All heavy atoms as atom14 arrays in JSON, in Angstrom:
{
  "sequence": "YGSSVKGRFTISRDNTKNSVYLQMNSLKPE",
  "atom14_mask": [
    [1, 1, 1, 1, 1, 1, 1, 1, 1, 1, 1, 1, 0, 0],
    [1, 1, 1, 1, 0, 0, 0, 0, 0, 0, 0, 0, 0, 0],
    [1, 1, 1, 1, 1, 1, 0, 0, 0, 0, 0, 0, 0, 0],
    [1, 1, 1, 1, 1, 1, 0, 0, 0, 0, 0, 0, 0, 0],
    [1, 1, 1, 1, 1, 1, 1, 0, 0, 0, 0, 0, 0, 0],
    [1, 1, 1, 1, 1, 1, 1, 1, 1, 0, 0, 0, 0, 0],
    [1, 1, 1, 1, 0, 0, 0, 0, 0, 0, 0, 0, 0, 0],
    [1, 1, 1, 1, 1, 1, 1, 1, 1, 1, 1, 0, 0, 0],
    [1, 1, 1, 1, 1, 1, 1, 1, 1, 1, 1, 0, 0, 0],
    [1, 1, 1, 1, 1, 1, 1, 0, 0, 0, 0, 0, 0, 0],
    [1, 1, 1, 1, 1, 1, 1, 1, 0, 0, 0, 0, 0, 0],
    [1, 1, 1, 1, 1, 1, 0, 0, 0, 0, 0, 0, 0, 0],
    [1, 1, 1, 1, 1, 1, 1, 1, 1, 1, 1, 0, 0, 0],
    [1, 1, 1, 1, 1, 1, 1, 1, 0, 0, 0, 0, 0, 0],
    [1, 1, 1, 1, 1, 1, 1, 1, 0, 0, 0, 0, 0, 0],
    [1, 1, 1, 1, 1, 1, 1, 0, 0, 0, 0, 0, 0, 0],
    [1, 1, 1, 1, 1, 1, 1, 1, 1, 0, 0, 0, 0, 0],
    [1, 1, 1, 1, 1, 1, 1, 1, 0, 0, 0, 0, 0, 0],
    [1, 1, 1, 1, 1, 1, 0, 0, 0, 0, 0, 0, 0, 0],
    [1, 1, 1, 1, 1, 1, 1, 0, 0, 0, 0, 0, 0, 0],
    [1, 1, 1, 1, 1, 1, 1, 1, 1, 1, 1, 1, 0, 0],
    [1, 1, 1, 1, 1, 1, 1, 1, 0, 0, 0, 0, 0, 0],
    [1, 1, 1, 1, 1, 1, 1, 1, 1, 0, 0, 0, 0, 0],
    [1, 1, 1, 1, 1, 1, 1, 1, 0, 0, 0, 0, 0, 0],
    [1, 1, 1, 1, 1, 1, 1, 1, 0, 0, 0, 0, 0, 0],
    [1, 1, 1, 1, 1, 1, 0, 0, 0, 0, 0, 0, 0, 0],
    [1, 1, 1, 1, 1, 1, 1, 1, 0, 0, 0, 0, 0, 0],
    [1, 1, 1, 1, 1, 1, 1, 1, 1, 0, 0, 0, 0, 0],
    [1, 1, 1, 1, 1, 1, 1, 0, 0, 0, 0, 0, 0, 0],
    [1, 1, 1, 1, 1, 1, 1, 1, 1, 0, 0, 0, 0, 0]
  ],
  "atom14_positions": [
    [[0.82, -1.2, 0.0], [0.0, 0.0, 0.0], [0.86, 1.26, 0.0], [1.94, 1.29, 0.59], [-0.89, 0.04, 1.24], [-1.98, -1.0, 1.27], [-1.78, -2.24, 1.85], [-3.22, -0.74, 0.69], [-2.78, -3.2, 1.86], [-4.23, -1.68, 0.7], [-4.0, -2.91, 1.28], [-5.0, -3.86, 1.29], [0.0, 0.0, 0.0], [0.0, 0.0, 0.0]],
    [[0.35, 2.29, -0.65], [0.97, 3.59, -0.52], [0.76, 4.12, 0.89], [-0.25, 3.82, 1.54], [0.0, 0.0, 0.0], [0.0, 0.0, 0.0], [0.0, 0.0, 0.0], [0.0, 0.0, 0.0], [0.0, 0.0, 0.0], [0.0, 0.0, 0.0], [0.0, 0.0, 0.0], [0.0, 0.0, 0.0], [0.0, 0.0, 0.0], [0.0, 0.0, 0.0]],
    [[1.7, 4.92, 1.36], [1.66, 5.36, 2.76], [0.42, 6.2, 3.07], [-0.08, 6.19, 4.2], [2.92, 6.14, 3.1], [3.07, 7.26, 2.24], [0.0, 0.0, 0.0], [0.0, 0.0, 0.0], [0.0, 0.0, 0.0], [0.0, 0.0, 0.0], [0.0, 0.0, 0.0], [0.0, 0.0, 0.0], [0.0, 0.0, 0.0], [0.0, 0.0, 0.0]],
    [[-0.08, 6.92, 2.09], [-1.2, 7.83, 2.34], [-2.54, 7.11, 2.48], [-3.52, 7.72, 2.91], [-1.29, 8.88, 1.23], [-1.52, 8.26, -0.01], [0.0, 0.0, 0.0], [0.0, 0.0, 0.0], [0.0, 0.0, 0.0], [0.0, 0.0, 0.0], [0.0, 0.0, 0.0], [0.0, 0.0, 0.0], [0.0, 0.0, 0.0], [0.0, 0.0, 0.0]],
    [[-2.6, 5.84, 2.12], [-3.87, 5.12, 2.16], [-3.87, 3.96, 3.15], [-4.91, 3.34, 3.36], [-4.28, 4.61, 0.77], [-4.28, 5.75, -0.25], [-3.39, 3.46, 0.31], [0.0, 0.0, 0.0], [0.0, 0.0, 0.0], [0.0, 0.0, 0.0], [0.0, 0.0, 0.0], [0.0, 0.0, 0.0], [0.0, 0.0, 0.0], [0.0, 0.0, 0.0]],
    [[-2.73, 3.66, 3.75], [-2.65, 2.54, 4.69], [-3.66, 2.73, 5.82], [-3.78, 3.81, 6.39], [-1.24, 2.44, 5.26], [-0.25, 1.76, 4.34], [1.12, 1.64, 5.0], [2.11, 0.96, 4.08], [3.46, 0.86, 4.69], [0.0, 0.0, 0.0], [0.0, 0.0, 0.0], [0.0, 0.0, 0.0], [0.0, 0.0, 0.0], [0.0, 0.0, 0.0]],
    [[-4.37, 1.64, 6.12], [-5.34, 1.69, 7.19], [-6.72, 2.17, 6.76], [-7.68, 2.04, 7.51], [0.0, 0.0, 0.0], [0.0, 0.0, 0.0], [0.0, 0.0, 0.0], [0.0, 0.0, 0.0], [0.0, 0.0, 0.0], [0.0, 0.0, 0.0], [0.0, 0.0, 0.0], [0.0, 0.0, 0.0], [0.0, 0.0, 0.0], [0.0, 0.0, 0.0]],
    [[-6.81, 2.73, 5.55], [-8.11, 3.22, 5.07], [-8.59, 2.45, 3.84], [-9.8, 2.26, 3.66], [-8.01, 4.71, 4.71], [-7.62, 5.61, 5.86], [-7.71, 7.09, 5.47], [-6.8, 7.43, 4.4], [-7.18, 7.97, 3.23], [-8.46, 8.21, 2.99], [-6.27, 8.29, 2.33], [0.0, 0.0, 0.0], [0.0, 0.0, 0.0], [0.0, 0.0, 0.0]],
    [[-7.67, 2.03, 3.0], [-8.01, 1.31, 1.78], [-7.61, -0.16, 1.92], [-6.61, -0.48, 2.57], [-7.26, 1.9, 0.58], [-7.67, 3.28, 0.17], [-8.53, 4.05, 0.95], [-7.2, 3.83, -1.01], [-8.9, 5.33, 0.57], [-7.57, 5.1, -1.41], [-8.41, 5.85, -0.62], [0.0, 0.0, 0.0], [0.0, 0.0, 0.0], [0.0, 0.0, 0.0]],
    [[-8.38, -1.02, 1.26], [-8.07, -2.44, 1.24], [-8.18, -2.97, -0.18], [-9.21, -2.78, -0.84], [-9.03, -3.23, 2.15], [-8.96, -2.72, 3.48], [-8.67, -4.71, 2.16], [0.0, 0.0, 0.0], [0.0, 0.0, 0.0], [0.0, 0.0, 0.0], [0.0, 0.0, 0.0], [0.0, 0.0, 0.0], [0.0, 0.0, 0.0], [0.0, 0.0, 0.0]],
    [[-7.12, -3.63, -0.63], [-7.14, -4.23, -1.96], [-7.38, -5.73, -1.8], [-6.92, -6.36, -0.85], [-5.82, -3.96, -2.72], [-5.95, -4.37, -4.18], [-4.63, -4.66, -2.04], [-4.8, -3.88, -5.06], [0.0, 0.0, 0.0], [0.0, 0.0, 0.0], [0.0, 0.0, 0.0], [0.0, 0.0, 0.0], [0.0, 0.0, 0.0], [0.0, 0.0, 0.0]],
    [[-8.15, -6.28, -2.73], [-8.4, -7.71, -2.74], [-8.45, -8.19, -4.18], [-8.6, -7.39, -5.11], [-9.71, -8.04, -2.01], [-10.81, -7.4, -2.64], [0.0, 0.0, 0.0], [0.0, 0.0, 0.0], [0.0, 0.0, 0.0], [0.0, 0.0, 0.0], [0.0, 0.0, 0.0], [0.0, 0.0, 0.0], [0.0, 0.0, 0.0], [0.0, 0.0, 0.0]],
    [[-8.33, -9.5, -4.34], [-8.24, -10.06, -5.69], [-9.02, -11.35, -5.73], [-8.96, -12.16, -4.81], [-6.77, -10.3, -6.03], [-6.51, -10.88, -7.39], [-5.03, -10.82, -7.71], [-4.72, -11.43, -8.98], [-3.56, -11.34, -9.6], [-2.57, -10.66, -9.06], [-3.36, -11.94, -10.76], [0.0, 0.0, 0.0], [0.0, 0.0, 0.0], [0.0, 0.0, 0.0]],
    [[-9.75, -11.56, -6.81], [-10.47, -12.8, -7.06], [-9.91, -13.39, -8.34], [-10.27, -12.96, -9.44], [-11.97, -12.53, -7.18], [-12.78, -13.8, -7.3], [-12.22, -14.85, -7.66], [-13.99, -13.74, -7.04], [0.0, 0.0, 0.0], [0.0, 0.0, 0.0], [0.0, 0.0, 0.0], [0.0, 0.0, 0.0], [0.0, 0.0, 0.0], [0.0, 0.0, 0.0]],
    [[-9.02, -14.36, -8.2], [-8.37, -14.95, -9.37], [-9.36, -15.7, -10.25], [-9.14, -15.83, -11.46], [-7.22, -15.86, -8.95], [-6.05, -15.1, -8.35], [-5.82, -13.94, -8.69], [-5.31, -15.74, -7.47], [0.0, 0.0, 0.0], [0.0, 0.0, 0.0], [0.0, 0.0, 0.0], [0.0, 0.0, 0.0], [0.0, 0.0, 0.0], [0.0, 0.0, 0.0]],
    [[-10.44, -16.19, -9.67], [-11.42, -16.93, -10.47], [-12.18, -15.99, -11.42], [-12.72, -16.44, -12.43], [-12.42, -17.66, -9.58], [-13.2, -16.71, -8.85], [-11.71, -18.58, -8.6], [0.0, 0.0, 0.0], [0.0, 0.0, 0.0], [0.0, 0.0, 0.0], [0.0, 0.0, 0.0], [0.0, 0.0, 0.0], [0.0, 0.0, 0.0], [0.0, 0.0, 0.0]],
    [[-12.23, -14.72, -11.05], [-12.92, -13.73, -11.89], [-11.94, -12.79, -12.59], [-12.37, -11.85, -13.25], [-13.89, -12.92, -11.03], [-15.02, -13.75, -10.43], [-15.98, -12.88, -9.62], [-17.12, -13.71, -9.06], [-18.07, -12.88, -8.27], [0.0, 0.0, 0.0], [0.0, 0.0, 0.0], [0.0, 0.0, 0.0], [0.0, 0.0, 0.0], [0.0, 0.0, 0.0]],
    [[-10.64, -13.04, -12.39], [-9.62, -12.17, -12.99], [-9.85, -10.71, -12.61], [-9.71, -9.81, -13.45], [-9.59, -12.32, -14.51], [-9.39, -13.75, -14.94], [-8.55, -14.46, -14.39], [-10.18, -14.2, -15.9], [0.0, 0.0, 0.0], [0.0, 0.0, 0.0], [0.0, 0.0, 0.0], [0.0, 0.0, 0.0], [0.0, 0.0, 0.0], [0.0, 0.0, 0.0]],
    [[-10.21, -10.51, -11.36], [-10.6, -9.18, -10.93], [-9.85, -8.74, -9.68], [-9.42, -9.58, -8.87], [-12.11, -9.13, -10.65], [-12.85, -9.34, -11.83], [0.0, 0.0, 0.0], [0.0, 0.0, 0.0], [0.0, 0.0, 0.0], [0.0, 0.0, 0.0], [0.0, 0.0, 0.0], [0.0, 0.0, 0.0], [0.0, 0.0, 0.0], [0.0, 0.0, 0.0]],
    [[-9.72, -7.43, -9.54], [-9.14, -6.83, -8.35], [-10.07, -5.72, -7.89], [-10.73, -5.07, -8.71], [-7.72, -6.29, -8.64], [-7.74, -5.18, -9.67], [-7.04, -5.84, -7.37], [0.0, 0.0, 0.0], [0.0, 0.0, 0.0], [0.0, 0.0, 0.0], [0.0, 0.0, 0.0], [0.0, 0.0, 0.0], [0.0, 0.0, 0.0], [0.0, 0.0, 0.0]],
    [[-10.14, -5.55, -6.57], [-11.06, -4.59, -5.98], [-10.3, -3.67, -5.03], [-9.3, -4.08, -4.43], [-12.16, -5.32, -5.21], [-12.82, -6.4, -6.03], [-12.43, -7.73, -5.89], [-13.82, -6.09, -6.94], [-13.02, -8.73, -6.65], [-14.41, -7.08, -7.71], [-14.01, -8.39, -7.56], [-14.59, -9.37, -8.32], [0.0, 0.0, 0.0], [0.0, 0.0, 0.0]],
    [[-10.8, -2.45, -4.91], [-10.22, -1.51, -3.96], [-11.35, -0.93, -3.12], [-12.18, -0.18, -3.63], [-9.48, -0.38, -4.68], [-8.75, 0.59, -3.77], [-7.55, -0.1, -3.1], [-8.27, 1.82, -4.55], [0.0, 0.0, 0.0], [0.0, 0.0, 0.0], [0.0, 0.0, 0.0], [0.0, 0.0, 0.0], [0.0, 0.0, 0.0], [0.0, 0.0, 0.0]],
    [[-11.39, -1.32, -1.86], [-12.36, -0.77, -0.92], [-11.74, 0.45, -0.27], [-10.69, 0.35, 0.38], [-12.73, -1.79, 0.14], [-13.72, -1.28, 1.18], [-15.07, -0.95, 0.59], [-15.6, -1.7, -0.23], [-15.63, 0.18, 1.0], [0.0, 0.0, 0.0], [0.0, 0.0, 0.0], [0.0, 0.0, 0.0], [0.0, 0.0, 0.0], [0.0, 0.0, 0.0]],
    [[-12.37, 1.59, -0.46], [-11.83, 2.85, 0.04], [-12.76, 3.39, 1.12], [-13.92, 3.7, 0.84], [-11.7, 3.87, -1.09], [-10.86, 3.36, -2.26], [-10.59, 4.61, -3.53], [-12.25, 4.77, -4.18], [0.0, 0.0, 0.0], [0.0, 0.0, 0.0], [0.0, 0.0, 0.0], [0.0, 0.0, 0.0], [0.0, 0.0, 0.0], [0.0, 0.0, 0.0]],
    [[-12.26, 3.48, 2.33], [-13.02, 4.0, 3.47], [-12.39, 5.28, 3.99], [-11.24, 5.59, 3.69], [-13.06, 2.95, 4.58], [-13.76, 1.68, 4.18], [-14.68, 1.69, 3.34], [-13.32, 0.58, 4.75], [0.0, 0.0, 0.0], [0.0, 0.0, 0.0], [0.0, 0.0, 0.0], [0.0, 0.0, 0.0], [0.0, 0.0, 0.0], [0.0, 0.0, 0.0]],
    [[-13.15, 6.01, 4.77], [-12.67, 7.26, 5.38], [-12.02, 8.17, 4.34], [-10.93, 8.71, 4.53], [-11.66, 6.94, 6.5], [-12.24, 6.12, 7.49], [0.0, 0.0, 0.0], [0.0, 0.0, 0.0], [0.0, 0.0, 0.0], [0.0, 0.0, 0.0], [0.0, 0.0, 0.0], [0.0, 0.0, 0.0], [0.0, 0.0, 0.0], [0.0, 0.0, 0.0]],
    [[-12.72, 8.34, 3.24], [-12.17, 9.12, 2.12], [-11.98, 10.58, 2.51], [-12.79, 11.16, 3.26], [-13.06, 8.99, 0.91], [-12.9, 7.66, 0.15], [-14.1, 7.37, -0.73], [-11.62, 7.68, -0.68], [0.0, 0.0, 0.0], [0.0, 0.0, 0.0], [0.0, 0.0, 0.0], [0.0, 0.0, 0.0], [0.0, 0.0, 0.0], [0.0, 0.0, 0.0]],
    [[-10.91, 11.15, 1.95], [-10.56, 12.55, 2.21], [-10.54, 13.32, 0.9], [-10.35, 12.71, -0.17], [-9.17, 12.62, 2.85], [-8.99, 11.8, 4.1], [-7.54, 11.83, 4.56], [-7.32, 10.98, 5.8], [-5.9, 11.01, 6.25], [0.0, 0.0, 0.0], [0.0, 0.0, 0.0], [0.0, 0.0, 0.0], [0.0, 0.0, 0.0], [0.0, 0.0, 0.0]],
    [[-10.69, 14.63, 0.94], [-10.62, 15.41, -0.3], [-9.32, 15.17, -1.07], [-9.33, 15.18, -2.31], [-10.72, 16.85, 0.2], [-11.54, 16.76, 1.45], [-11.1, 15.47, 2.09], [0.0, 0.0, 0.0], [0.0, 0.0, 0.0], [0.0, 0.0, 0.0], [0.0, 0.0, 0.0], [0.0, 0.0, 0.0], [0.0, 0.0, 0.0], [0.0, 0.0, 0.0]],
    [[-8.23, 14.92, -0.37], [-6.96, 14.68, -1.05], [-6.88, 13.33, -1.74], [-5.91, 13.04, -2.45], [-5.78, 14.83, -0.07], [-5.93, 14.04, 1.22], [-6.47, 14.89, 2.36], [-7.43, 15.68, 2.13], [-5.94, 14.75, 3.49], [0.0, 0.0, 0.0], [0.0, 0.0, 0.0], [0.0, 0.0, 0.0], [0.0, 0.0, 0.0], [0.0, 0.0, 0.0]]
  ]
}
């Protein structure tokens, strides 16, 4: 993870669907 998103964003991957997801919480204007 990039330092600015650690603890707020979570990346996950589903190899069966060839997909990757990014859950973004506590979003900031930056």
